[in-house]
Amino acid sequence: MKGQDRTPKLRFKGFSDDWEQRELGEIVEITMGQSPSSENYTDNPDDYILVQGNADMKNGRVVPRVWTTQVTKEARRGDLILSVRAPVGDIGKTDFEVVLGRGVAGIKGNEFVFQSLGKMKQNGYWNKLSTGSTFESINSNDIKEAKIFIPKEKEQKKIGSYFKQLDNTIALHLGKVDALKQIKKGFLQQLFPRNGKNVPGVRFTDFHDEWEQCKLGEVSSRHDNLRIPITASNRVTGTTPYYGANGIQDYVEGFTHDGEFILVAEDGANDLVNYPVRYVKGKVWVNNHAHVLQAKEKKSD
């Protein structure tokens, strides 16, 4: 927005009216989640889909992972799903009727609202509001009182349609990325020895020696002592990626580590099946939810 003009710098032709600033709760219906009793969780797809947080969404869409026989709070097909616990502010859509756990809120909003919430996440809006020194979250009032600029309905539809087309293109390319990941997974199984073996099933030409088994501590060193957690309210916005258990949480000034490292989730991992392990290079800031490993020279070249 351009200061007090309340208009964006770039607009579609035919639109010139000022945008109006409103509170989110004035323009959409918001439902805060309430988790069912854990004894009612199931793995039966015939039961109700349970959305508890970021782990139940992928590429902006709900992906069924856990089910429940108990209905607490609900979201309908087409509703928006907002993560209210770390990582705060992730936004997605549901193509199903779902039960909302306490880690999310359901929002009945259009495509424009969806894109606006995504922009708020990108700009760090929710991180500045999140509370708690170790477990960041936002509450019902934070969401209802969030300030959002909105144009007239016709311009909302135009903007929403434009970004939806972009999202569809992105989704197409992400599908190709997922296919490549499956190919990589297959090669990892072939190019590394299976349990009980000391040579892989498939090898590059000219390599015949047996592999050596050793402990991780023999080929790497830990640098956990350099980690520093920062609450969202104390972070200074910058260009350094700020890592937690599940990857980049924010971008900040300064750094805790500089070099090549492997980050392994210590606690708070969203996906225990595909446990978060990441390679990073350069200056990074790591909080206390990820172990920091570095290869020892000449041990793992």
Protein backbone atom coordinates (compact mmCIF):
# COMPACT_ATOMS: atom_id res chain seq x y z
CA MET A 1 0.00 0.00 0.00
CA LYS A 2 1.12 3.54 -0.73
CA GLY A 3 0.96 5.24 2.64
CA GLN A 4 -2.37 6.91 3.32
CA ASP A 5 -3.62 6.41 -0.26
CA ARG A 6 -4.66 2.86 0.63
CA THR A 7 -4.01 1.65 -2.89
CA PRO A 8 -1.40 -0.85 -4.12
CA LYS A 9 1.48 0.22 -6.36
CA LEU A 10 0.38 -2.16 -9.12
CA ARG A 11 -3.26 -2.65 -10.14
CA PHE A 12 -5.33 -4.26 -12.87
CA LYS A 13 -6.89 -1.85 -15.36
CA GLY A 14 -10.29 -0.46 -14.44
CA PHE A 15 -9.72 -0.27 -10.68
CA SER A 16 -8.98 3.00 -8.89
CA ASP A 17 -10.96 3.00 -5.63
CA ASP A 18 -9.16 3.09 -2.28
CA TRP A 19 -8.85 -0.14 -0.34
CA GLU A 20 -10.48 -0.35 3.07
CA GLN A 21 -8.70 -1.51 6.23
CA ARG A 22 -10.78 -3.91 8.30
CA GLU A 23 -10.31 -6.41 11.10
CA LEU A 24 -10.30 -10.00 9.85
CA GLY A 25 -13.08 -10.97 12.24
CA GLU A 26 -15.36 -8.37 10.63
CA ILE A 27 -15.22 -9.93 7.18
CA VAL A 28 -14.89 -13.70 7.75
CA GLU A 29 -16.19 -16.38 10.10
CA ILE A 30 -13.42 -17.86 12.28
CA THR A 31 -13.56 -21.17 14.17
CA MET A 32 -10.82 -21.99 16.67
CA GLY A 33 -9.89 -25.66 16.81
CA GLN A 34 -10.50 -28.02 19.72
CA SER A 35 -8.68 -31.35 19.80
CA PRO A 36 -10.67 -34.56 20.28
CA SER A 37 -9.60 -36.96 23.00
CA SER A 38 -6.53 -38.89 21.82
CA GLU A 39 -8.30 -42.17 22.57
CA ASN A 40 -10.60 -41.38 19.64
CA TYR A 41 -7.77 -41.03 17.10
CA THR A 42 -7.78 -43.70 14.38
CA ASP A 43 -6.10 -44.65 11.11
CA ASN A 44 -9.44 -45.46 9.48
CA PRO A 45 -10.14 -43.29 6.39
CA ASP A 46 -13.87 -43.89 6.93
CA ASP A 47 -13.73 -41.76 10.09
CA TYR A 48 -13.46 -37.95 10.28
CA ILE A 49 -10.25 -36.33 9.00
CA LEU A 50 -8.41 -34.55 11.84
CA VAL A 51 -6.28 -31.48 11.10
CA GLN A 52 -4.00 -30.63 14.00
CA GLY A 53 -1.38 -28.37 12.45
CA ASN A 54 1.23 -27.80 9.79
CA ALA A 55 2.01 -31.54 9.54
CA ASP A 56 -1.46 -32.11 8.09
CA MET A 57 -0.95 -29.67 5.22
CA LYS A 58 1.30 -29.89 2.18
CA ASN A 59 1.75 -27.26 -0.51
CA GLY A 60 -1.20 -25.29 0.83
CA ARG A 61 -3.63 -28.24 0.95
CA VAL A 62 -4.90 -30.52 3.71
CA VAL A 63 -3.47 -34.03 3.34
CA PRO A 64 -5.35 -36.64 5.44
CA ARG A 65 -2.96 -38.21 7.94
CA VAL A 66 -4.93 -38.86 11.14
CA TRP A 67 -8.61 -39.60 11.66
CA THR A 68 -10.97 -39.40 14.64
CA THR A 69 -14.36 -40.71 15.69
CA GLN A 70 -15.05 -37.60 17.79
CA VAL A 71 -16.26 -34.34 16.24
CA THR A 72 -15.31 -31.17 18.11
CA LYS A 73 -14.92 -28.15 15.82
CA GLU A 74 -15.42 -28.48 12.06
CA ALA A 75 -14.35 -26.89 8.78
CA ARG A 76 -16.19 -27.44 5.50
CA ARG A 77 -14.84 -28.18 2.04
CA GLY A 78 -13.28 -25.01 0.63
CA ASP A 79 -12.56 -23.42 4.03
CA LEU A 80 -9.15 -21.99 4.88
CA ILE A 81 -6.99 -23.57 7.60
CA LEU A 82 -4.63 -21.35 9.62
CA SER A 83 -1.88 -22.76 11.86
CA VAL A 84 -2.07 -21.10 15.29
CA ARG A 85 0.92 -22.93 16.80
CA ALA A 86 4.54 -23.06 15.70
CA PRO A 87 5.10 -22.57 12.86
CA VAL A 88 2.47 -19.87 13.33
CA GLY A 89 0.57 -18.46 10.35
CA ASP A 90 0.91 -21.25 7.79
CA ILE A 91 -2.22 -21.15 5.65
CA GLY A 92 -3.88 -23.84 3.55
CA LYS A 93 -7.20 -24.97 2.11
CA THR A 94 -9.22 -28.10 2.70
CA ASP A 95 -10.88 -30.13 -0.02
CA PHE A 96 -12.60 -32.21 2.67
CA GLU A 97 -14.87 -31.75 5.65
CA VAL A 98 -12.48 -31.93 8.60
CA VAL A 99 -12.30 -31.81 12.39
CA LEU A 100 -10.14 -28.93 13.66
CA GLY A 101 -7.58 -29.67 16.38
CA ARG A 102 -6.35 -26.97 18.74
CA GLY A 103 -3.30 -26.24 16.57
CA VAL A 104 -5.40 -24.67 13.80
CA ALA A 105 -8.31 -22.35 13.10
CA GLY A 106 -10.88 -22.63 10.31
CA ILE A 107 -11.68 -19.52 8.25
CA LYS A 108 -14.53 -19.07 5.77
CA GLY A 109 -12.81 -16.78 3.29
CA ASN A 110 -12.47 -16.32 -0.45
CA GLU A 111 -9.36 -16.62 -2.62
CA PHE A 112 -8.42 -12.99 -1.93
CA VAL A 113 -8.47 -13.58 1.83
CA PHE A 114 -6.39 -16.73 1.34
CA GLN A 115 -3.74 -14.81 -0.59
CA SER A 116 -3.80 -11.95 1.92
CA LEU A 117 -3.18 -14.35 4.80
CA GLY A 118 -0.30 -15.87 2.86
CA LYS A 119 1.21 -12.40 2.44
CA MET A 120 0.83 -11.74 6.17
CA LYS A 121 2.75 -14.94 6.89
CA GLN A 122 5.42 -13.95 4.38
CA ASN A 123 5.78 -10.52 5.98
CA GLY A 124 6.21 -12.00 9.47
CA TYR A 125 2.94 -10.54 10.79
CA TRP A 126 2.00 -13.56 12.91
CA ASN A 127 5.50 -14.08 14.30
CA LYS A 128 5.38 -10.61 15.81
CA LEU A 129 2.10 -11.48 17.55
CA SER A 130 2.96 -15.01 18.70
CA THR A 131 3.31 -15.49 22.42
CA GLY A 132 5.33 -17.82 24.62
CA SER A 133 9.11 -18.07 24.97
CA THR A 134 9.41 -21.72 23.98
CA PHE A 135 6.16 -22.52 22.17
CA GLU A 136 4.88 -19.77 19.90
CA SER A 137 1.14 -19.42 19.32
CA ILE A 138 -1.61 -16.95 18.47
CA ASN A 139 -5.07 -16.81 20.01
CA SER A 140 -8.59 -16.06 18.84
CA ASN A 141 -8.33 -12.32 19.44
CA ASP A 142 -5.03 -12.12 17.54
CA ILE A 143 -6.77 -13.57 14.49
CA LYS A 144 -10.05 -11.66 14.77
CA GLU A 145 -8.28 -8.32 15.30
CA ALA A 146 -5.72 -8.80 12.53
CA LYS A 147 -5.76 -5.81 10.18
CA ILE A 148 -6.35 -6.54 6.51
CA PHE A 149 -6.76 -4.23 3.50
CA ILE A 150 -9.57 -5.18 1.13
CA PRO A 151 -10.79 -3.69 -2.18
CA LYS A 152 -14.27 -3.93 -3.67
CA GLU A 153 -15.52 -7.45 -4.39
CA LYS A 154 -14.87 -7.29 -8.15
CA GLU A 155 -11.20 -6.41 -7.61
CA GLN A 156 -10.93 -9.10 -4.92
CA LYS A 157 -12.07 -11.69 -7.47
CA LYS A 158 -9.63 -10.41 -10.09
CA ILE A 159 -6.65 -10.56 -7.72
CA GLY A 160 -7.71 -13.90 -6.26
CA SER A 161 -8.08 -15.45 -9.71
CA TYR A 162 -4.65 -14.22 -10.80
CA PHE A 163 -2.84 -15.70 -7.80
CA LYS A 164 -4.83 -18.91 -8.00
CA GLN A 165 -3.52 -19.43 -11.53
CA LEU A 166 0.02 -18.87 -10.27
CA ASP A 167 -0.54 -21.35 -7.44
CA ASN A 168 -1.81 -23.94 -9.91
CA THR A 169 1.35 -23.51 -11.98
CA ILE A 170 3.49 -23.84 -8.86
CA ALA A 171 1.60 -26.98 -7.85
CA LEU A 172 2.29 -28.49 -11.27
CA HIS A 173 6.02 -27.96 -10.86
CA LEU A 174 5.95 -29.20 -7.26
CA GLY A 175 4.39 -32.40 -8.57
CA LYS A 176 7.45 -32.83 -10.78
CA VAL A 177 9.68 -32.20 -7.76
CA ASP A 178 7.83 -34.89 -5.79
CA ALA A 179 8.41 -37.33 -8.65
CA LEU A 180 12.14 -36.55 -8.60
CA LYS A 181 12.19 -37.08 -4.84
CA GLN A 182 10.78 -40.56 -5.35
CA ILE A 183 13.49 -41.27 -7.91
CA LYS A 184 16.10 -40.05 -5.42
CA LYS A 185 14.62 -42.29 -2.74
CA GLY A 186 15.02 -45.29 -5.01
CA PHE A 187 18.65 -44.45 -5.79
CA LEU A 188 19.41 -43.97 -2.09
CA GLN A 189 18.23 -47.51 -1.45
CA GLN A 190 20.43 -48.85 -4.25
CA LEU A 191 23.57 -46.73 -3.85
CA PHE A 192 23.89 -47.27 -0.09
CA PRO A 193 24.43 -50.69 1.55
CA ARG A 194 21.35 -52.36 3.01
CA ASN A 195 21.31 -53.47 6.64
CA GLY A 196 23.86 -56.21 7.23
CA LYS A 197 25.72 -55.48 3.98
CA ASN A 198 29.02 -53.64 3.45
CA VAL A 199 28.63 -52.87 -0.25
CA PRO A 200 25.73 -51.19 -2.08
CA GLY A 201 23.59 -53.00 -4.64
CA VAL A 202 24.53 -50.55 -7.40
CA ARG A 203 27.91 -48.80 -7.75
CA PHE A 204 29.61 -46.34 -10.03
CA THR A 205 32.33 -47.72 -12.30
CA ASP A 206 35.82 -48.31 -10.78
CA PHE A 207 34.65 -48.58 -7.14
CA HIS A 208 35.04 -52.02 -5.54
CA ASP A 209 36.19 -51.54 -1.92
CA GLU A 210 33.94 -52.50 0.97
CA TRP A 211 32.31 -49.71 2.95
CA GLU A 212 33.36 -49.13 6.55
CA GLN A 213 30.79 -48.89 9.34
CA CYS A 214 31.51 -46.33 12.04
CA LYS A 215 29.72 -44.25 14.63
CA LEU A 216 28.36 -40.84 13.66
CA GLY A 217 30.49 -39.21 16.36
CA GLU A 218 33.64 -40.55 14.68
CA VAL A 219 33.02 -38.64 11.46
CA SER A 220 31.23 -35.55 12.75
CA SER A 221 31.34 -33.03 15.58
CA ARG A 222 28.42 -31.33 17.33
CA HIS A 223 28.12 -27.56 17.58
CA ASP A 224 25.00 -27.35 19.75
CA ASN A 225 26.78 -25.04 22.19
CA LEU A 226 26.52 -22.19 19.68
CA ARG A 227 22.73 -22.39 19.33
CA ILE A 228 20.67 -19.43 20.55
CA PRO A 229 16.85 -19.37 20.62
CA ILE A 230 15.13 -16.02 20.06
CA THR A 231 11.46 -15.37 20.75
CA ALA A 232 9.56 -13.88 17.81
CA SER A 233 9.18 -10.52 19.55
CA ASN A 234 12.96 -10.20 20.02
CA ARG A 235 14.02 -11.11 16.48
CA VAL A 236 15.49 -8.39 14.28
CA THR A 237 14.43 -8.92 10.68
CA GLY A 238 17.34 -9.68 8.37
CA THR A 239 18.55 -12.06 5.66
CA THR A 240 19.93 -14.95 7.76
CA PRO A 241 17.67 -18.05 7.84
CA TYR A 242 16.56 -18.83 11.40
CA TYR A 243 16.24 -22.62 11.78
CA GLY A 244 14.19 -24.70 14.20
CA ALA A 245 13.24 -28.38 14.30
CA ASN A 246 11.20 -28.19 11.08
CA GLY A 247 13.36 -25.91 8.97
CA ILE A 248 13.38 -22.16 8.42
CA GLN A 249 11.15 -20.32 10.90
CA ASP A 250 12.14 -16.74 10.07
CA TYR A 251 14.91 -14.50 8.69
CA VAL A 252 17.01 -12.50 11.15
CA GLU A 253 20.12 -10.35 11.54
CA GLY A 254 23.34 -12.00 12.69
CA PHE A 255 24.21 -15.71 12.78
CA THR A 256 25.17 -18.52 15.16
CA HIS A 257 27.00 -20.78 12.70
CA ASP A 258 28.99 -20.20 9.51
CA GLY A 259 30.03 -23.13 7.30
CA GLU A 260 28.62 -26.47 6.15
CA PHE A 261 26.37 -28.25 8.65
CA ILE A 262 23.72 -30.92 8.99
CA LEU A 263 20.70 -29.96 11.13
CA VAL A 264 18.81 -32.77 12.85
CA ALA A 265 15.56 -32.05 14.72
CA GLU A 266 16.03 -32.43 18.48
CA ASP A 267 12.37 -32.06 19.44
CA GLY A 268 9.17 -30.60 18.04
CA ALA A 269 9.44 -32.44 14.71
CA ASN A 270 6.19 -32.29 12.69
CA ASP A 271 6.84 -35.49 10.75
CA LEU A 272 8.32 -38.43 12.67
CA VAL A 273 8.27 -40.68 9.59
CA ASN A 274 10.30 -38.34 7.37
CA TYR A 275 12.36 -36.99 10.27
CA PRO A 276 13.69 -33.46 9.58
CA VAL A 277 17.36 -33.58 8.49
CA ARG A 278 18.76 -30.65 6.50
CA TYR A 279 22.05 -29.66 4.89
CA VAL A 280 22.88 -25.96 5.24
CA LYS A 281 25.78 -23.88 3.98
CA GLY A 282 26.90 -20.37 4.87
CA LYS A 283 25.67 -18.19 7.72
CA VAL A 284 22.65 -19.55 9.62
CA TRP A 285 20.98 -18.98 12.98
CA VAL A 286 19.91 -22.16 14.78
CA ASN A 287 17.66 -22.32 17.84
CA ASN A 288 17.71 -25.05 20.50
CA HIS A 289 15.29 -27.39 18.68
CA ALA A 290 17.82 -28.72 16.15
CA HIS A 291 21.18 -30.46 16.64
CA VAL A 292 24.05 -29.03 14.61
CA LEU A 293 26.55 -31.51 13.12
CA GLN A 294 29.65 -30.83 11.03
CA ALA A 295 31.78 -33.38 9.18
CA LYS A 296 35.30 -33.90 10.49
CA GLU A 297 38.00 -33.21 7.93
CA LYS A 298 39.47 -36.29 6.19
CA LYS A 299 36.91 -38.50 7.93
CA SER A 300 34.03 -38.01 5.51
CA ASP A 301 35.49 -36.52 2.31
